Amino acid sequence: PGLHIQNGSVVRMIDFAPNVESPLHRAVLIDYGIVVEGEFKLILDSGEERIMRQGDISVQRATGHKWHNITGNGTMPGRMLWVLLD
């Protein structure tokens, strides 16, 4: 299924190649992002940045953001789990 199921939920496990940065995006859902392996920089559309490590969770709703895999100073893969709730 797509990233949105009306009145439902979606769970996605995503593997990031070294030093990969997602595009800036925004979800109208409640978006839980959990760092499973590695280290990521969460970059908000306001310019605010947070370093997220294994076990850290971000909770967002309608916030413009992107993710940058900085695991091993950008030399190693990383993994995140997302739970999207409508």
PDB file of N, CA and C in Angstrom:
ATOM      1  N   PRO A   1       0.829  -1.211   0.000  1.00  0.00           N
ATOM      2  CA  PRO A   1       0.000   0.000   0.000  1.00  0.00           C
ATOM      3  C   PRO A   1       0.859   1.255   0.000  1.00  0.00           C
ATOM      4  N   GLY A   2       0.214   2.360  -0.288  1.00  0.00           N
ATOM      5  CA  GLY A   2       0.904   3.642  -0.251  1.00  0.00           C
ATOM      6  C   GLY A   2       1.270   4.035   1.166  1.00  0.00           C
ATOM      7  N   LEU A   3       1.779   5.247   1.332  1.00  0.00           N
ATOM      8  CA  LEU A   3       2.175   5.709   2.659  1.00  0.00           C
ATOM      9  C   LEU A   3       1.008   6.205   3.485  1.00  0.00           C
ATOM     10  N   HIS A   4      -0.200   6.177   2.929  1.00  0.00           N
ATOM     11  CA  HIS A   4      -1.356   6.674   3.666  1.00  0.00           C
ATOM     12  C   HIS A   4      -2.533   5.743   3.446  1.00  0.00           C
ATOM     13  N   ILE A   5      -3.099   5.250   4.529  1.00  0.00           N
ATOM     14  CA  ILE A   5      -4.330   4.470   4.483  1.00  0.00           C
ATOM     15  C   ILE A   5      -5.332   5.215   5.350  1.00  0.00           C
ATOM     16  N   GLN A   6      -6.391   5.710   4.735  1.00  0.00           N
ATOM     17  CA  GLN A   6      -7.364   6.508   5.467  1.00  0.00           C
ATOM     18  C   GLN A   6      -7.901   5.724   6.658  1.00  0.00           C
ATOM     19  N   ASN A   7      -7.878   6.374   7.840  1.00  0.00           N
ATOM     20  CA  ASN A   7      -8.332   5.781   9.100  1.00  0.00           C
ATOM     21  C   ASN A   7      -7.571   4.506   9.449  1.00  0.00           C
ATOM     22  N   GLY A   8      -6.332   4.409   9.006  1.00  0.00           N
ATOM     23  CA  GLY A   8      -5.546   3.210   9.262  1.00  0.00           C
ATOM     24  C   GLY A   8      -4.133   3.547   9.694  1.00  0.00           C
ATOM     25  N   SER A   9      -3.264   2.564   9.582  1.00  0.00           N
ATOM     26  CA  SER A   9      -1.868   2.751   9.956  1.00  0.00           C
ATOM     27  C   SER A   9      -0.970   2.037   8.956  1.00  0.00           C
ATOM     28  N   VAL A  10       0.259   2.506   8.868  1.00  0.00           N
ATOM     29  CA  VAL A  10       1.267   1.916   7.991  1.00  0.00           C
ATOM     30  C   VAL A  10       2.556   1.821   8.793  1.00  0.00           C
ATOM     31  N   VAL A  11       3.250   0.693   8.663  1.00  0.00           N
ATOM     32  CA  VAL A  11       4.554   0.509   9.303  1.00  0.00           C
ATOM     33  C   VAL A  11       5.564   0.239   8.195  1.00  0.00           C
ATOM     34  N   ARG A  12       6.682   0.965   8.222  1.00  0.00           N
ATOM     35  CA  ARG A  12       7.717   0.810   7.201  1.00  0.00           C
ATOM     36  C   ARG A  12       9.087   0.738   7.868  1.00  0.00           C
ATOM     37  N   MET A  13       9.897  -0.249   7.459  1.00  0.00           N
ATOM     38  CA  MET A  13      11.298  -0.330   7.854  1.00  0.00           C
ATOM     39  C   MET A  13      12.100   0.090   6.632  1.00  0.00           C
ATOM     40  N   ILE A  14      12.951   1.109   6.790  1.00  0.00           N
ATOM     41  CA  ILE A  14      13.711   1.652   5.662  1.00  0.00           C
ATOM     42  C   ILE A  14      15.203   1.571   5.971  1.00  0.00           C
ATOM     43  N   ASP A  15      15.965   0.999   5.034  1.00  0.00           N
ATOM     44  CA  ASP A  15      17.422   0.983   5.122  1.00  0.00           C
ATOM     45  C   ASP A  15      17.965   2.143   4.302  1.00  0.00           C
ATOM     46  N   PHE A  16      18.835   2.943   4.917  1.00  0.00           N
ATOM     47  CA  PHE A  16      19.463   4.088   4.258  1.00  0.00           C
ATOM     48  C   PHE A  16      20.903   3.728   3.904  1.00  0.00           C
ATOM     49  N   ALA A  17      21.292   3.975   2.678  1.00  0.00           N
ATOM     50  CA  ALA A  17      22.694   3.830   2.289  1.00  0.00           C
ATOM     51  C   ALA A  17      23.519   4.899   3.016  1.00  0.00           C
ATOM     52  N   PRO A  18      24.841   4.722   3.084  1.00  0.00           N
ATOM     53  CA  PRO A  18      25.681   5.717   3.745  1.00  0.00           C
ATOM     54  C   PRO A  18      25.485   7.121   3.170  1.00  0.00           C
ATOM     55  N   ASN A  19      25.394   8.097   4.052  1.00  0.00           N
ATOM     56  CA  ASN A  19      25.350   9.525   3.718  1.00  0.00           C
ATOM     57  C   ASN A  19      24.142   9.939   2.874  1.00  0.00           C
ATOM     58  N   VAL A  20      23.092   9.133   2.841  1.00  0.00           N
ATOM     59  CA  VAL A  20      21.889   9.464   2.061  1.00  0.00           C
ATOM     60  C   VAL A  20      21.032  10.457   2.834  1.00  0.00           C
ATOM     61  N   GLU A  21      20.458  11.410   2.117  1.00  0.00           N
ATOM     62  CA  GLU A  21      19.543  12.398   2.695  1.00  0.00           C
ATOM     63  C   GLU A  21      18.216  12.318   1.948  1.00  0.00           C
ATOM     64  N   SER A  22      17.122  12.207   2.700  1.00  0.00           N
ATOM     65  CA  SER A  22      15.798  12.164   2.070  1.00  0.00           C
ATOM     66  C   SER A  22      15.428  13.557   1.574  1.00  0.00           C
ATOM     67  N   PRO A  23      14.481  13.646   0.652  1.00  0.00           N
ATOM     68  CA  PRO A  23      13.977  14.968   0.272  1.00  0.00           C
ATOM     69  C   PRO A  23      13.147  15.556   1.413  1.00  0.00           C
ATOM     70  N   LEU A  24      13.006  16.865   1.427  1.00  0.00           N
ATOM     71  CA  LEU A  24      12.126  17.527   2.385  1.00  0.00           C
ATOM     72  C   LEU A  24      10.701  17.077   2.083  1.00  0.00           C
ATOM     73  N   HIS A  25       9.983  16.647   3.116  1.00  0.00           N
ATOM     74  CA  HIS A  25       8.615  16.174   2.924  1.00  0.00           C
ATOM     75  C   HIS A  25       7.779  16.509   4.152  1.00  0.00           C
ATOM     76  N   ARG A  26       6.470  16.372   3.996  1.00  0.00           N
ATOM     77  CA  ARG A  26       5.532  16.699   5.072  1.00  0.00           C
ATOM     78  C   ARG A  26       4.403  15.673   5.024  1.00  0.00           C
ATOM     79  N   ALA A  27       3.995  15.183   6.188  1.00  0.00           N
ATOM     80  CA  ALA A  27       2.866  14.252   6.270  1.00  0.00           C
ATOM     81  C   ALA A  27       1.787  14.866   7.155  1.00  0.00           C
ATOM     82  N   VAL A  28       0.536  14.691   6.772  1.00  0.00           N
ATOM     83  CA  VAL A  28      -0.568  15.198   7.594  1.00  0.00           C
ATOM     84  C   VAL A  28      -0.953  14.178   8.663  1.00  0.00           C
ATOM     85  N   LEU A  29      -0.305  13.031   8.637  1.00  0.00           N
ATOM     86  CA  LEU A  29      -0.559  11.969   9.607  1.00  0.00           C
ATOM     87  C   LEU A  29       0.250  12.207  10.872  1.00  0.00           C
ATOM     88  N   ILE A  30       0.015  11.397  11.882  1.00  0.00           N
ATOM     89  CA  ILE A  30       0.944  11.316  13.004  1.00  0.00           C
ATOM     90  C   ILE A  30       2.035  10.359  12.560  1.00  0.00           C
ATOM     91  N   ASP A  31       3.268  10.802  12.654  1.00  0.00           N
ATOM     92  CA  ASP A  31       4.421  10.113  12.082  1.00  0.00           C
ATOM     93  C   ASP A  31       5.420   9.829  13.202  1.00  0.00           C
ATOM     94  N   TYR A  32       5.570   8.550  13.561  1.00  0.00           N
ATOM     95  CA  TYR A  32       6.565   8.136  14.550  1.00  0.00           C
ATOM     96  C   TYR A  32       7.769   7.590  13.795  1.00  0.00           C
ATOM     97  N   GLY A  33       8.942   8.173  14.004  1.00  0.00           N
ATOM     98  CA  GLY A  33      10.177   7.693  13.387  1.00  0.00           C
ATOM     99  C   GLY A  33      11.107   7.168  14.466  1.00  0.00           C
ATOM    100  N   ILE A  34      11.516   5.907  14.357  1.00  0.00           N
ATOM    101  CA  ILE A  34      12.351   5.259  15.369  1.00  0.00           C
ATOM    102  C   ILE A  34      13.672   4.853  14.725  1.00  0.00           C
ATOM    103  N   VAL A  35      14.780   5.277  15.315  1.00  0.00           N
ATOM    104  CA  VAL A  35      16.092   4.877  14.815  1.00  0.00           C
ATOM    105  C   VAL A  35      16.373   3.465  15.329  1.00  0.00           C
ATOM    106  N   VAL A  36      16.485   2.522  14.403  1.00  0.00           N
ATOM    107  CA  VAL A  36      16.736   1.120  14.747  1.00  0.00           C
ATOM    108  C   VAL A  36      18.237   0.844  14.795  1.00  0.00           C
ATOM    109  N   GLU A  37      18.959   1.332  13.800  1.00  0.00           N
ATOM    110  CA  GLU A  37      20.415   1.173  13.734  1.00  0.00           C
ATOM    111  C   GLU A  37      21.028   2.435  13.164  1.00  0.00           C
ATOM    112  N   GLY A  38      22.102   2.897  13.775  1.00  0.00           N
ATOM    113  CA  GLY A  38      22.838   4.017  13.221  1.00  0.00           C
ATOM    114  C   GLY A  38      22.539   5.339  13.897  1.00  0.00           C
ATOM    115  N   GLU A  39      22.840   6.399  13.161  1.00  0.00           N
ATOM    116  CA  GLU A  39      22.712   7.769  13.651  1.00  0.00           C
ATOM    117  C   GLU A  39      22.208   8.634  12.497  1.00  0.00           C
ATOM    118  N   PHE A  40      21.201   9.439  12.777  1.00  0.00           N
ATOM    119  CA  PHE A  40      20.567  10.262  11.754  1.00  0.00           C
ATOM    120  C   PHE A  40      20.457  11.696  12.228  1.00  0.00           C
ATOM    121  N   LYS A  41      20.498  12.617  11.268  1.00  0.00           N
ATOM    122  CA  LYS A  41      20.211  14.014  11.554  1.00  0.00           C
ATOM    123  C   LYS A  41      18.804  14.293  11.045  1.00  0.00           C
ATOM    124  N   LEU A  42      17.930  14.737  11.938  1.00  0.00           N
ATOM    125  CA  LEU A  42      16.583  15.170  11.584  1.00  0.00           C
ATOM    126  C   LEU A  42      16.650  16.667  11.346  1.00  0.00           C
ATOM    127  N   ILE A  43      16.252  17.103  10.160  1.00  0.00           N
ATOM    128  CA  ILE A  43      16.325  18.512   9.778  1.00  0.00           C
ATOM    129  C   ILE A  43      14.905  19.002   9.515  1.00  0.00           C
ATOM    130  N   LEU A  44      14.452  19.978  10.299  1.00  0.00           N
ATOM    131  CA  LEU A  44      13.106  20.531  10.146  1.00  0.00           C
ATOM    132  C   LEU A  44      13.111  21.687   9.157  1.00  0.00           C
ATOM    133  N   ASP A  45      11.939  21.996   8.596  1.00  0.00           N
ATOM    134  CA  ASP A  45      11.854  23.098   7.629  1.00  0.00           C
ATOM    135  C   ASP A  45      12.163  24.445   8.264  1.00  0.00           C
ATOM    136  N   SER A  46      12.143  24.523   9.590  1.00  0.00           N
ATOM    137  CA  SER A  46      12.508  25.751  10.305  1.00  0.00           C
ATOM    138  C   SER A  46      14.021  25.939  10.364  1.00  0.00           C
ATOM    139  N   GLY A  47      14.776  24.888   9.972  1.00  0.00           N
ATOM    140  CA  GLY A  47      16.229  24.923  10.063  1.00  0.00           C
ATOM    141  C   GLY A  47      16.756  24.242  11.318  1.00  0.00           C
ATOM    142  N   GLU A  48      15.865  23.948  12.257  1.00  0.00           N
ATOM    143  CA  GLU A  48      16.274  23.250  13.479  1.00  0.00           C
ATOM    144  C   GLU A  48      16.749  21.842  13.130  1.00  0.00           C
ATOM    145  N   GLU A  49      17.798  21.381  13.820  1.00  0.00           N
ATOM    146  CA  GLU A  49      18.354  20.051  13.581  1.00  0.00           C
ATOM    147  C   GLU A  49      18.478  19.304  14.899  1.00  0.00           C
ATOM    148  N   ARG A  50      18.300  17.981  14.825  1.00  0.00           N
ATOM    149  CA  ARG A  50      18.462  17.108  15.985  1.00  0.00           C
ATOM    150  C   ARG A  50      19.226  15.866  15.540  1.00  0.00           C
ATOM    151  N   ILE A  51      20.175  15.425  16.348  1.00  0.00           N
ATOM    152  CA  ILE A  51      20.862  14.162  16.107  1.00  0.00           C
ATOM    153  C   ILE A  51      20.067  13.070  16.812  1.00  0.00           C
ATOM    154  N   MET A  52      19.735  12.029  16.059  1.00  0.00           N
ATOM    155  CA  MET A  52      18.938  10.916  16.574  1.00  0.00           C
ATOM    156  C   MET A  52      19.799   9.653  16.524  1.00  0.00           C
ATOM    157  N   ARG A  53      19.827   8.936  17.654  1.00  0.00           N
ATOM    158  CA  ARG A  53      20.620   7.711  17.756  1.00  0.00           C
ATOM    159  C   ARG A  53      19.720   6.513  18.015  1.00  0.00           C
ATOM    160  N   GLN A  54      20.308   5.327  17.946  1.00  0.00           N
ATOM    161  CA  GLN A  54      19.560   4.088  18.128  1.00  0.00           C
ATOM    162  C   GLN A  54      18.645   4.176  19.345  1.00  0.00           C
ATOM    163  N   GLY A  55      17.352   3.880  19.119  1.00  0.00           N
ATOM    164  CA  GLY A  55      16.356   3.921  20.185  1.00  0.00           C
ATOM    165  C   GLY A  55      15.629   5.248  20.304  1.00  0.00           C
ATOM    166  N   ASP A  56      16.143   6.308  19.681  1.00  0.00           N
ATOM    167  CA  ASP A  56      15.472   7.610  19.732  1.00  0.00           C
ATOM    168  C   ASP A  56      14.230   7.593  18.844  1.00  0.00           C
ATOM    169  N   ILE A  57      13.221   8.359  19.262  1.00  0.00           N
ATOM    170  CA  ILE A  57      11.941   8.423  18.548  1.00  0.00           C
ATOM    171  C   ILE A  57      11.582   9.878  18.290  1.00  0.00           C
ATOM    172  N   SER A  58      11.145  10.168  17.067  1.00  0.00           N
ATOM    173  CA  SER A  58      10.584  11.489  16.779  1.00  0.00           C
ATOM    174  C   SER A  58       9.095  11.306  16.510  1.00  0.00           C
ATOM    175  N   VAL A  59       8.304  12.269  16.957  1.00  0.00           N
ATOM    176  CA  VAL A  59       6.861  12.265  16.714  1.00  0.00           C
ATOM    177  C   VAL A  59       6.540  13.574  16.017  1.00  0.00           C
ATOM    178  N   GLN A  60       5.946  13.481  14.824  1.00  0.00           N
ATOM    179  CA  GLN A  60       5.659  14.686  14.048  1.00  0.00           C
ATOM    180  C   GLN A  60       4.259  14.619  13.460  1.00  0.00           C
ATOM    181  N   ARG A  61       3.723  15.792  13.229  1.00  0.00           N
ATOM    182  CA  ARG A  61       2.458  15.900  12.504  1.00  0.00           C
ATOM    183  C   ARG A  61       2.494  17.196  11.707  1.00  0.00           C
ATOM    184  N   ALA A  62       2.426  17.071  10.400  1.00  0.00           N
ATOM    185  CA  ALA A  62       2.386  18.216   9.484  1.00  0.00           C
ATOM    186  C   ALA A  62       3.616  19.110   9.606  1.00  0.00           C
ATOM    187  N   THR A  63       4.766  18.516   9.922  1.00  0.00           N
ATOM    188  CA  THR A  63       6.016  19.255  10.018  1.00  0.00           C
ATOM    189  C   THR A  63       6.874  18.916   8.805  1.00  0.00           C
ATOM    190  N   GLY A  64       7.345  19.927   8.089  1.00  0.00           N
ATOM    191  CA  GLY A  64       8.277  19.683   6.999  1.00  0.00           C
ATOM    192  C   GLY A  64       9.602  19.212   7.578  1.00  0.00           C
ATOM    193  N   HIS A  65      10.146  18.127   7.033  1.00  0.00           N
ATOM    194  CA  HIS A  65      11.372  17.568   7.588  1.00  0.00           C
ATOM    195  C   HIS A  65      12.072  16.677   6.565  1.00  0.00           C
ATOM    196  N   LYS A  66      13.332  16.375   6.857  1.00  0.00           N
ATOM    197  CA  LYS A  66      14.079  15.400   6.073  1.00  0.00           C
ATOM    198  C   LYS A  66      15.057  14.692   7.006  1.00  0.00           C
ATOM    199  N   TRP A  67      15.547  13.551   6.549  1.00  0.00           N
ATOM    200  CA  TRP A  67      16.459  12.720   7.322  1.00  0.00           C
ATOM    201  C   TRP A  67      17.782  12.587   6.577  1.00  0.00           C
ATOM    202  N   HIS A  68      18.886  12.637   7.338  1.00  0.00           N
ATOM    203  CA  HIS A  68      20.215  12.458   6.753  1.00  0.00           C
ATOM    204  C   HIS A  68      20.918  11.361   7.548  1.00  0.00           C
ATOM    205  N   ASN A  69      21.327  10.285   6.865  1.00  0.00           N
ATOM    206  CA  ASN A  69      22.048   9.199   7.526  1.00  0.00           C
ATOM    207  C   ASN A  69      23.496   9.619   7.739  1.00  0.00           C
ATOM    208  N   ILE A  70      23.878   9.829   8.997  1.00  0.00           N
ATOM    209  CA  ILE A  70      25.242  10.247   9.325  1.00  0.00           C
ATOM    210  C   ILE A  70      25.994   9.143  10.073  1.00  0.00           C
ATOM    211  N   THR A  71      25.504   7.907   9.985  1.00  0.00           N
ATOM    212  CA  THR A  71      26.121   6.780  10.681  1.00  0.00           C
ATOM    213  C   THR A  71      27.586   6.635  10.276  1.00  0.00           C
ATOM    214  N   GLY A  72      28.470   6.530  11.274  1.00  0.00           N
ATOM    215  CA  GLY A  72      29.906   6.391  10.987  1.00  0.00           C
ATOM    216  C   GLY A  72      30.444   7.549  10.182  1.00  0.00           C
ATOM    217  N   ASN A  73      29.995   8.765  10.514  1.00  0.00           N
ATOM    218  CA  ASN A  73      30.371   9.971   9.756  1.00  0.00           C
ATOM    219  C   ASN A  73      30.002   9.851   8.282  1.00  0.00           C
ATOM    220  N   GLY A  74      28.857   9.206   8.014  1.00  0.00           N
ATOM    221  CA  GLY A  74      28.360   9.081   6.648  1.00  0.00           C
ATOM    222  C   GLY A  74      28.977   7.943   5.857  1.00  0.00           C
ATOM    223  N   THR A  75      29.635   6.994   6.539  1.00  0.00           N
ATOM    224  CA  THR A  75      30.309   5.896   5.837  1.00  0.00           C
ATOM    225  C   THR A  75      29.605   4.550   5.985  1.00  0.00           C
ATOM    226  N   MET A  76      28.529   4.496   6.791  1.00  0.00           N
ATOM    227  CA  MET A  76      27.865   3.222   7.061  1.00  0.00           C
ATOM    228  C   MET A  76      26.357   3.339   6.839  1.00  0.00           C
ATOM    229  N   PRO A  77      25.697   2.218   6.536  1.00  0.00           N
ATOM    230  CA  PRO A  77      24.237   2.254   6.388  1.00  0.00           C
ATOM    231  C   PRO A  77      23.545   2.453   7.730  1.00  0.00           C
ATOM    232  N   GLY A  78      22.288   2.860   7.676  1.00  0.00           N
ATOM    233  CA  GLY A  78      21.464   3.020   8.875  1.00  0.00           C
ATOM    234  C   GLY A  78      20.064   2.508   8.594  1.00  0.00           C
ATOM    235  N   ARG A  79      19.291   2.291   9.655  1.00  0.00           N
ATOM    236  CA  ARG A  79      17.941   1.735   9.495  1.00  0.00           C
ATOM    237  C   ARG A  79      16.981   2.472  10.419  1.00  0.00           C
ATOM    238  N   MET A  80      15.800   2.785   9.859  1.00  0.00           N
ATOM    239  CA  MET A  80      14.741   3.427  10.645  1.00  0.00           C
ATOM    240  C   MET A  80      13.423   2.706  10.441  1.00  0.00           C
ATOM    241  N   LEU A  81      12.571   2.811  11.442  1.00  0.00           N
ATOM    242  CA  LEU A  81      11.221   2.255  11.406  1.00  0.00           C
ATOM    243  C   LEU A  81      10.249   3.413  11.546  1.00  0.00           C
ATOM    244  N   TRP A  82       9.222   3.440  10.690  1.00  0.00           N
ATOM    245  CA  TRP A  82       8.187   4.467  10.786  1.00  0.00           C
ATOM    246  C   TRP A  82       6.841   3.823  11.038  1.00  0.00           C
ATOM    247  N   VAL A  83       6.071   4.471  11.897  1.00  0.00           N
ATOM    248  CA  VAL A  83       4.676   4.112  12.118  1.00  0.00           C
ATOM    249  C   VAL A  83       3.868   5.356  11.780  1.00  0.00           C
ATOM    250  N   LEU A  84       2.988   5.255  10.786  1.00  0.00           N
ATOM    251  CA  LEU A  84       2.160   6.376  10.337  1.00  0.00           C
ATOM    252  C   LEU A  84       0.716   6.082  10.707  1.00  0.00           C
ATOM    253  N   LEU A  85       0.089   6.991  11.450  1.00  0.00           N
ATOM    254  CA  LEU A  85      -1.288   6.812  11.906  1.00  0.00           C
ATOM    255  C   LEU A  85      -2.166   7.916  11.358  1.00  0.00           C
ATOM    256  N   ASP A  86      -3.319   7.536  10.796  1.00  0.00           N
ATOM    257  CA  ASP A  86      -4.270   8.523  10.282  1.00  0.00           C
ATOM    258  C   ASP A  86      -5.294   8.820  11.355  1.00  0.00           C
TER     259      ASP A  86
END
